[in-house]
Protein backbone atom coordinates (compact mmCIF):
# COMPACT_ATOMS: atom_id res chain seq x y z
CA MET A 1 0.82 94.51 87.41
CA ASN A 2 2.86 95.64 90.37
CA LEU A 3 6.30 95.11 88.82
CA LYS A 4 8.04 98.26 87.66
CA VAL A 5 11.45 99.27 86.39
CA GLY A 6 13.81 99.34 89.37
CA ASN A 7 12.00 96.54 91.24
CA LYS A 8 13.70 93.25 91.89
CA PHE A 9 12.01 90.47 89.92
CA PRO A 10 10.54 87.93 92.37
CA ASP A 11 12.49 84.70 92.75
CA PHE A 12 10.93 81.60 91.24
CA LYS A 13 11.61 77.96 90.42
CA LEU A 14 10.11 76.51 87.24
CA SER A 15 10.84 73.36 85.25
CA ASP A 16 12.36 73.78 81.82
CA ASP A 17 11.93 71.93 78.55
CA ASN A 18 14.35 69.23 79.82
CA GLU A 19 12.36 68.77 83.04
CA GLU A 20 15.15 70.39 85.07
CA ILE A 21 14.38 73.06 87.65
CA TYR A 22 15.48 76.59 86.82
CA HIS A 23 15.89 78.81 89.89
CA LEU A 24 16.10 82.49 88.97
CA TYR A 25 18.21 83.64 91.91
CA LYS A 26 20.66 80.73 91.69
CA ASP A 27 20.92 79.75 88.03
CA GLY A 28 21.43 83.11 86.34
CA ASN A 29 25.06 83.74 85.45
CA THR A 30 24.98 86.45 82.79
CA SER A 31 25.07 90.24 82.99
CA PHE A 32 21.54 90.46 81.62
CA LEU A 33 18.51 88.23 81.30
CA VAL A 34 15.45 88.56 79.09
CA LEU A 35 12.37 86.88 80.53
CA TYR A 36 9.62 86.87 77.98
CA PHE A 37 6.15 85.67 78.85
CA TYR A 38 4.09 84.44 75.92
CA PRO A 39 0.66 82.83 75.58
CA LYS A 40 1.16 79.43 73.92
CA ASP A 41 3.60 77.21 72.03
CA GLU A 42 3.03 76.66 68.30
CA THR A 43 0.61 79.54 67.82
CA PRO A 44 1.40 81.94 64.95
CA GLY A 45 2.27 84.99 67.08
CA CYS A 46 4.26 83.06 69.67
CA THR A 47 6.15 81.19 66.97
CA LYS A 48 7.07 84.48 65.27
CA GLN A 49 8.21 85.97 68.57
CA ALA A 50 10.33 82.93 69.49
CA CYS A 51 11.91 82.84 66.03
CA TYR A 52 12.70 86.57 66.18
CA PHE A 53 14.48 85.98 69.50
CA LYS A 54 16.33 83.08 67.85
CA ASP A 55 17.31 85.26 64.87
CA TYR A 56 18.86 87.85 67.18
CA TYR A 57 20.22 85.41 69.75
CA ASP A 58 23.86 86.00 68.81
CA GLU A 59 23.44 89.74 69.32
CA PHE A 60 22.04 89.13 72.79
CA LYS A 61 24.90 86.74 73.62
CA GLU A 62 27.48 89.34 72.52
CA ILE A 63 26.10 91.61 75.26
CA ASP A 64 26.19 88.72 77.79
CA CYS A 65 22.41 88.44 77.82
CA GLU A 66 20.49 85.19 78.07
CA ILE A 67 16.91 84.72 76.88
CA ILE A 68 14.26 82.60 78.59
CA GLY A 69 10.70 82.11 77.37
CA ILE A 70 7.89 81.34 79.83
CA SER A 71 4.38 80.03 79.17
CA SER A 72 1.92 77.69 80.83
CA ASP A 73 2.68 74.90 78.34
CA ASN A 74 4.14 71.67 79.71
CA GLU A 75 7.63 70.25 79.21
CA THR A 76 6.60 68.01 76.31
CA SER A 77 5.06 70.93 74.44
CA HIS A 78 8.14 73.08 75.08
CA ARG A 79 10.51 70.34 73.86
CA SER A 80 8.52 69.95 70.67
CA PHE A 81 8.30 73.72 70.11
CA LYS A 82 12.02 74.12 70.74
CA THR A 83 12.89 71.27 68.37
CA ASN A 84 10.50 72.37 65.61
CA TYR A 85 12.07 75.84 65.44
CA ASN A 86 15.61 75.08 66.66
CA LEU A 87 15.30 77.51 69.56
CA PRO A 88 18.65 78.01 71.36
CA PHE A 89 17.24 79.19 74.69
CA LYS A 90 15.32 77.69 77.63
CA LEU A 91 11.56 77.52 77.76
CA LEU A 92 10.10 77.38 81.26
CA CYS A 93 6.80 75.83 82.31
CA ASP A 94 4.55 78.06 84.38
CA HIS A 95 2.05 75.32 85.23
CA HIS A 96 -1.48 76.69 85.70
CA SER A 97 0.01 80.20 85.21
CA LYS A 98 0.99 80.20 88.87
CA LEU A 99 3.94 82.62 88.48
CA ARG A 100 1.99 84.79 86.06
CA LYS A 101 -0.79 85.11 88.67
CA GLU A 102 1.62 85.68 91.58
CA ILE A 103 3.26 88.61 89.84
CA GLN A 104 -0.09 89.82 88.49
CA LEU A 105 0.77 89.92 84.80
CA PRO A 106 -2.06 91.44 82.80
CA LYS A 107 -4.10 89.52 80.27
CA ASP A 108 -4.72 90.67 76.71
CA PHE A 109 -7.69 90.70 74.36
CA PHE A 110 -10.30 91.59 76.97
CA GLY A 111 -8.88 89.12 79.48
CA LEU A 112 -9.13 86.14 77.13
CA SER A 113 -5.43 85.53 76.51
CA PRO A 114 -2.32 85.55 78.70
CA GLY A 115 -0.42 88.78 78.11
CA ARG A 116 2.74 89.01 76.04
CA ILE A 117 5.30 90.87 78.14
CA THR A 118 9.10 91.02 78.19
CA PHE A 119 11.35 91.92 81.10
CA LEU A 120 15.05 92.76 80.98
CA LEU A 121 16.89 92.04 84.22
CA ASN A 122 20.43 92.78 85.31
CA SER A 123 22.68 90.33 87.20
CA LYS A 124 21.04 91.39 90.49
CA ASN A 125 17.61 90.49 89.04
CA GLU A 126 16.55 94.14 89.02
CA ILE A 127 14.13 95.08 86.27
CA LEU A 128 15.79 97.45 83.81
CA PHE A 129 13.15 97.47 81.08
CA ILE A 130 9.60 96.23 80.47
CA HIS A 131 7.87 95.93 77.12
CA ARG A 132 4.30 94.84 76.46
CA SER A 133 2.74 94.34 73.06
CA SER A 134 0.34 91.61 72.04
CA LEU A 135 0.42 92.22 68.31
CA LYS A 136 3.93 93.49 67.51
CA MET A 137 6.04 90.43 68.22
CA LYS A 138 9.26 91.79 66.75
CA SER A 139 9.00 94.92 68.92
CA HIS A 140 9.91 92.81 71.97
CA ILE A 141 13.28 91.99 70.46
CA LYS A 142 13.99 95.35 68.85
CA LYS A 143 13.11 97.47 71.88
CA VAL A 144 15.06 95.30 74.33
CA LEU A 145 18.12 95.17 72.04
CA ASP A 146 17.98 98.95 71.50
CA PHE A 147 17.81 99.50 75.25
CA LEU A 148 20.64 97.05 75.93
CA ASN A 149 22.87 98.59 73.29
CA GLU A 150 22.21 102.02 74.79
CA ILE A 151 23.24 101.06 78.32
CA VAL A 152 26.17 98.84 77.28
CA LEU A 153 27.68 101.55 75.08
CA VAL A 154 27.54 104.15 77.87
């Protein structure tokens, strides 16, 4: 993975769960943005991670931070996943893992599964924080929130 803290996250356009195009450099309008890449809708780990983000969504909103989940699942799968768990944030479709490949996100479990990685961006789309953990789903939320609270309170 070539992306590091301080880099600008590459611009992209992906369709969301409502089949609308989300354009990173044009559609972001918050102070902070969490982009979390996850392997697959409706799997146990991904469901836990999405629900943890949902559980802490109000805390993120208080800091003017939006959350967006990204996987290679299609719009229909995302709509179902979002409805089943009442997720309050967008899910974007990275068809054929095109974005994931372009930005060279690592795979997990000996290259068998798309990696679980979370980025925190500021309003200029600069990467402030990166967290990667395949097995500790809640750590993505806790570590990003801790980091955000640290920089917002300064």
